[in-house]
Amino acid sequence: MTDLKPNLFKRGLSGDRVLHGLWATINDTLVAEMSASLGYDWMLFDTEHSALDALAVLPLLQAVAPYPVSPIVRPGSNNASEIKKLLDLGAQSILVPMVNSAEDARAAVAAVTYPPMGIRGVSGMTRATGFASIKGYHKAARDEIALIVQVETLEAVDAIEEICAVPGVDALFVGPADLAAALGHVGEASHPEVIDATLSAIKRIIAAGKPAGFLSADPAFADQVENAGATFVARDVDMVALKRGLTERL
């Protein structure tokens, strides 16, 4: 029997340093493996806004497995069936988009938790269970799952304290792109009003006792969020970095 792999990202959320990450959208195992070797604390595989789905994410999870980076997967929605499949494929950290209320947060918690406390379906022969080799997996699995919920609408911002109070929510992530749209600045994720709203949200999340996360390729914006106390921050998207590097060379 093998032991359940510890979730280093989840443990790092309670640490005293910022966990730096990379947003990953390219469906290529070599790109994923190369990125995993660079020293990031975490990589997020995004199935909401990319060509990735659960089947495409599996080989990417396998490609980064030998490295110390922690993979996170964002499902396309707060959908229990989709989340269940990602967990069975071995994802230990899940970022659920568009969580607008405490009710939405409770649904996400239920999706990553086995009965009787949740609704996650039970299967034995999965990558997550080490193909039935991890003794006691089903009883211990939730301890090593990090559930992050995404705050990206005005409704969600208004409900931050209620969302933070939901048992089983491990961290909150502020999404500036959709928040910009909600504030009337679609396509302007670094608009001053968006920056102010984001910094306020980050501070409220921290005040409520939860780790806060963020993504922006705008270095000044990311700096402000880190200075506000965010715990896990991504400053680049693989596709954006590729375009930027090629354009500079050209």
Protein backbone atom coordinates (compact mmCIF):
# COMPACT_ATOMS: atom_id res chain seq x y z
CA MET A 1 0.00 0.00 0.00
CA THR A 2 1.15 3.55 -0.72
CA ASP A 3 0.43 6.69 1.26
CA LEU A 4 -1.84 9.51 0.19
CA LYS A 5 0.27 12.24 -1.38
CA PRO A 6 0.31 15.39 0.77
CA ASN A 7 -1.04 18.56 -0.81
CA LEU A 8 1.91 20.93 -0.50
CA PHE A 9 -0.10 23.81 -1.93
CA LYS A 10 -2.77 23.45 0.75
CA ARG A 11 -0.14 23.30 3.46
CA GLY A 12 1.60 26.31 1.98
CA LEU A 13 -1.56 28.38 2.29
CA SER A 14 -0.92 28.62 6.02
CA GLY A 15 2.73 29.59 5.55
CA ASP A 16 4.39 32.97 5.79
CA ARG A 17 5.39 33.53 2.17
CA VAL A 18 3.64 34.18 -1.13
CA LEU A 19 3.11 31.09 -3.30
CA HIS A 20 3.92 32.04 -6.88
CA GLY A 21 2.10 30.33 -9.71
CA LEU A 22 1.60 30.09 -13.45
CA TRP A 23 -1.72 29.99 -15.32
CA ALA A 24 -1.54 27.11 -17.84
CA THR A 25 -3.75 26.90 -20.93
CA ILE A 26 -1.57 25.21 -23.57
CA ASN A 27 -2.56 21.62 -24.33
CA ASP A 28 0.94 20.21 -24.61
CA THR A 29 2.74 17.90 -22.20
CA LEU A 30 6.22 19.18 -23.05
CA VAL A 31 5.19 22.77 -22.32
CA ALA A 32 3.60 21.65 -19.06
CA GLU A 33 6.67 19.64 -18.05
CA MET A 34 9.07 22.46 -18.94
CA SER A 35 6.95 24.94 -16.97
CA ALA A 36 6.83 22.59 -13.99
CA SER A 37 10.63 22.50 -13.90
CA LEU A 38 11.05 26.27 -13.53
CA GLY A 39 10.43 26.58 -9.81
CA TYR A 40 6.82 27.74 -9.53
CA ASP A 41 4.99 26.74 -6.38
CA TRP A 42 1.81 25.96 -8.32
CA MET A 43 0.40 25.72 -11.84
CA LEU A 44 -3.26 26.10 -12.67
CA PHE A 45 -4.67 24.13 -15.59
CA ASP A 46 -7.65 26.12 -16.82
CA THR A 47 -10.53 24.22 -18.41
CA GLU A 48 -12.89 27.21 -18.23
CA HIS A 49 -11.22 29.52 -20.77
CA SER A 50 -9.03 27.25 -22.89
CA ALA A 51 -9.12 24.21 -25.15
CA LEU A 52 -8.51 21.97 -22.13
CA ASP A 53 -11.04 19.53 -20.70
CA ALA A 54 -10.76 16.67 -18.22
CA LEU A 55 -9.33 14.26 -20.81
CA ALA A 56 -6.74 16.84 -21.90
CA VAL A 57 -5.80 17.70 -18.30
CA LEU A 58 -4.91 14.10 -17.41
CA PRO A 59 -1.63 13.89 -19.40
CA LEU A 60 -0.70 17.37 -18.16
CA LEU A 61 -1.12 16.20 -14.55
CA GLN A 62 1.04 13.19 -15.39
CA ALA A 63 3.68 15.42 -17.04
CA VAL A 64 4.12 17.64 -13.97
CA ALA A 65 3.86 14.85 -11.37
CA PRO A 66 7.65 14.29 -11.00
CA TYR A 67 8.21 17.95 -10.11
CA PRO A 68 7.60 19.76 -6.79
CA VAL A 69 5.07 22.16 -8.36
CA SER A 70 1.47 21.75 -7.14
CA PRO A 71 -1.13 21.43 -9.91
CA ILE A 72 -4.50 23.16 -9.53
CA VAL A 73 -7.37 22.58 -11.95
CA ARG A 74 -10.19 25.00 -12.70
CA PRO A 75 -13.34 23.24 -13.93
CA GLY A 76 -15.57 24.97 -16.43
CA SER A 77 -18.23 25.64 -13.81
CA ASN A 78 -19.42 24.75 -10.33
CA ASN A 79 -20.52 21.35 -11.59
CA ALA A 80 -20.32 18.35 -9.26
CA SER A 81 -19.95 15.79 -12.07
CA GLU A 82 -17.09 17.70 -13.69
CA ILE A 83 -15.35 18.27 -10.35
CA LYS A 84 -15.74 14.58 -9.47
CA LYS A 85 -13.97 13.53 -12.67
CA LEU A 86 -11.07 15.94 -12.08
CA LEU A 87 -10.63 14.66 -8.52
CA ASP A 88 -10.68 11.04 -9.68
CA LEU A 89 -7.98 11.90 -12.24
CA GLY A 90 -5.76 13.00 -9.37
CA ALA A 91 -6.31 16.73 -8.98
CA GLN A 92 -5.96 17.64 -5.30
CA SER A 93 -6.59 21.38 -5.66
CA ILE A 94 -9.68 22.74 -7.39
CA LEU A 95 -10.52 26.37 -8.23
CA VAL A 96 -14.26 26.71 -8.76
CA PRO A 97 -15.27 29.71 -10.88
CA MET A 98 -18.27 32.01 -10.45
CA VAL A 99 -19.02 31.34 -6.79
CA ASN A 100 -21.43 34.17 -6.04
CA SER A 101 -22.90 33.24 -2.69
CA ALA A 102 -22.56 31.09 0.40
CA GLU A 103 -25.00 28.67 -1.26
CA ASP A 104 -22.69 28.33 -4.26
CA ALA A 105 -19.74 27.80 -1.92
CA ARG A 106 -21.58 25.05 -0.04
CA ALA A 107 -22.30 23.31 -3.35
CA ALA A 108 -18.59 23.40 -4.20
CA VAL A 109 -17.68 22.00 -0.79
CA ALA A 110 -20.18 19.17 -1.25
CA ALA A 111 -18.71 18.35 -4.66
CA VAL A 112 -15.23 17.70 -3.23
CA THR A 113 -16.45 15.80 -0.15
CA TYR A 114 -17.58 12.19 0.11
CA PRO A 115 -20.93 11.29 1.76
CA PRO A 116 -22.38 11.63 4.25
CA MET A 117 -21.05 15.20 4.45
CA GLY A 118 -20.90 15.72 0.67
CA ILE A 119 -21.95 14.30 -2.68
CA ARG A 120 -18.69 13.23 -4.34
CA GLY A 121 -19.23 9.88 -6.04
CA VAL A 122 -17.14 6.95 -4.80
CA SER A 123 -14.86 4.99 -7.12
CA GLY A 124 -11.96 2.72 -6.23
CA MET A 125 -9.89 2.16 -9.36
CA THR A 126 -8.78 5.73 -10.12
CA ARG A 127 -5.55 7.65 -10.47
CA ALA A 128 -6.47 9.50 -7.27
CA THR A 129 -6.54 6.26 -5.27
CA GLY A 130 -3.24 5.10 -6.75
CA PHE A 131 -5.32 2.58 -8.68
CA ALA A 132 -6.69 1.14 -5.45
CA SER A 133 -3.24 1.14 -3.79
CA ILE A 134 -3.70 4.00 -1.29
CA LYS A 135 -4.98 2.54 1.95
CA GLY A 136 -7.77 4.61 3.48
CA TYR A 137 -7.93 7.04 0.56
CA HIS A 138 -11.65 7.69 0.77
CA LYS A 139 -11.56 8.59 4.47
CA ALA A 140 -8.48 10.82 4.18
CA ALA A 141 -8.95 12.38 0.73
CA ARG A 142 -10.68 15.57 1.84
CA ASP A 143 -7.81 16.41 4.19
CA GLU A 144 -5.51 16.78 1.17
CA ILE A 145 -7.96 18.55 -1.15
CA ALA A 146 -7.69 22.33 -1.40
CA LEU A 147 -10.95 23.98 -2.44
CA ILE A 148 -10.55 27.50 -3.77
CA VAL A 149 -13.64 29.47 -4.76
CA GLN A 150 -13.49 32.33 -7.23
CA VAL A 151 -14.96 35.75 -6.44
CA GLU A 152 -15.48 37.63 -9.71
CA THR A 153 -18.87 39.36 -9.65
CA LEU A 154 -20.38 42.20 -7.66
CA GLU A 155 -22.73 39.71 -6.02
CA ALA A 156 -19.75 37.63 -4.89
CA VAL A 157 -17.85 40.66 -3.63
CA ASP A 158 -20.86 41.66 -1.54
CA ALA A 159 -20.96 38.13 -0.06
CA ILE A 160 -17.25 37.70 0.72
CA GLU A 161 -17.70 37.35 4.47
CA GLU A 162 -20.55 34.84 4.05
CA ILE A 163 -18.51 32.80 1.55
CA CYS A 164 -15.47 32.82 3.85
CA ALA A 165 -17.63 31.49 6.67
CA VAL A 166 -18.64 28.34 4.77
CA PRO A 167 -16.88 25.32 6.34
CA GLY A 168 -14.67 23.53 3.84
CA VAL A 169 -13.69 26.58 1.78
CA ASP A 170 -9.89 26.68 1.97
CA ALA A 171 -9.17 29.89 0.05
CA LEU A 172 -10.73 32.56 -2.15
CA PHE A 173 -9.45 33.82 -5.49
CA VAL A 174 -10.30 37.24 -6.92
CA GLY A 175 -10.75 37.24 -10.70
CA PRO A 176 -10.08 40.74 -12.09
CA ALA A 177 -11.26 40.15 -15.68
CA ASP A 178 -14.87 39.32 -14.85
CA LEU A 179 -14.87 41.81 -12.00
CA ALA A 180 -13.83 44.48 -14.51
CA ALA A 181 -16.77 43.53 -16.72
CA ALA A 182 -19.14 43.69 -13.76
CA LEU A 183 -17.88 47.19 -12.98
CA GLY A 184 -18.46 48.36 -16.55
CA HIS A 185 -14.83 48.11 -17.67
CA VAL A 186 -14.84 44.92 -19.72
CA GLY A 187 -11.41 44.23 -21.20
CA GLU A 188 -9.76 46.67 -18.76
CA ALA A 189 -8.66 44.41 -15.94
CA SER A 190 -6.21 47.01 -14.63
CA HIS A 191 -8.68 49.91 -14.57
CA PRO A 192 -8.24 51.98 -11.38
CA GLU A 193 -11.75 51.09 -10.21
CA VAL A 194 -10.99 47.39 -10.70
CA ILE A 195 -7.74 47.73 -8.78
CA ASP A 196 -9.52 49.44 -5.89
CA ALA A 197 -12.27 46.81 -5.81
CA THR A 198 -9.72 43.98 -5.96
CA LEU A 199 -7.56 45.35 -3.16
CA SER A 200 -10.64 45.87 -1.00
CA ALA A 201 -11.78 42.29 -1.68
CA ILE A 202 -8.33 40.86 -0.90
CA LYS A 203 -8.20 42.73 2.42
CA ARG A 204 -11.70 41.57 3.38
CA ILE A 205 -10.85 37.94 2.58
CA ILE A 206 -7.76 38.14 4.77
CA ALA A 207 -9.69 39.87 7.55
CA ALA A 208 -12.18 36.98 7.43
CA GLY A 209 -9.33 34.55 8.04
CA LYS A 210 -8.92 33.01 4.60
CA PRO A 211 -5.97 32.97 2.17
CA ALA A 212 -6.50 35.13 -0.91
CA GLY A 213 -5.31 34.47 -4.47
CA PHE A 214 -4.99 36.50 -7.65
CA LEU A 215 -3.82 36.48 -11.29
CA SER A 216 -2.57 39.42 -13.34
CA ALA A 217 0.14 39.81 -15.96
CA ASP A 218 0.27 43.50 -14.95
CA PRO A 219 3.33 43.59 -12.63
CA ALA A 220 2.27 46.77 -10.82
CA PHE A 221 -1.21 45.37 -10.13
CA ALA A 222 0.25 42.07 -8.90
CA ASP A 223 2.66 43.97 -6.66
CA GLN A 224 -0.21 45.85 -5.05
CA VAL A 225 -2.13 42.63 -4.44
CA GLU A 226 0.90 40.96 -2.85
CA ASN A 227 1.47 44.03 -0.68
CA ALA A 228 -2.17 43.81 0.40
CA GLY A 229 -1.46 40.35 1.81
CA ALA A 230 -2.43 37.86 -0.90
CA THR A 231 -1.11 34.36 -0.26
CA PHE A 232 -0.97 32.87 -3.78
CA VAL A 233 -0.41 34.96 -6.89
CA ALA A 234 0.15 34.23 -10.58
CA ARG A 235 1.83 36.87 -12.72
CA ASP A 236 1.68 35.14 -16.08
CA VAL A 237 -0.31 32.90 -18.40
CA ASP A 238 1.69 30.46 -20.52
CA MET A 239 0.08 31.61 -23.78
CA VAL A 240 0.60 35.28 -22.89
CA ALA A 241 4.24 34.65 -22.03
CA LEU A 242 4.76 32.79 -25.31
CA LYS A 243 3.26 35.62 -27.36
CA ARG A 244 5.23 38.24 -25.44
CA GLY A 245 8.52 36.41 -25.89
CA LEU A 246 8.00 35.75 -29.60
CA THR A 247 6.91 39.33 -30.23
CA GLU A 248 9.96 40.72 -28.48
CA ARG A 249 12.22 38.49 -30.56
CA LEU A 250 10.46 39.49 -33.75
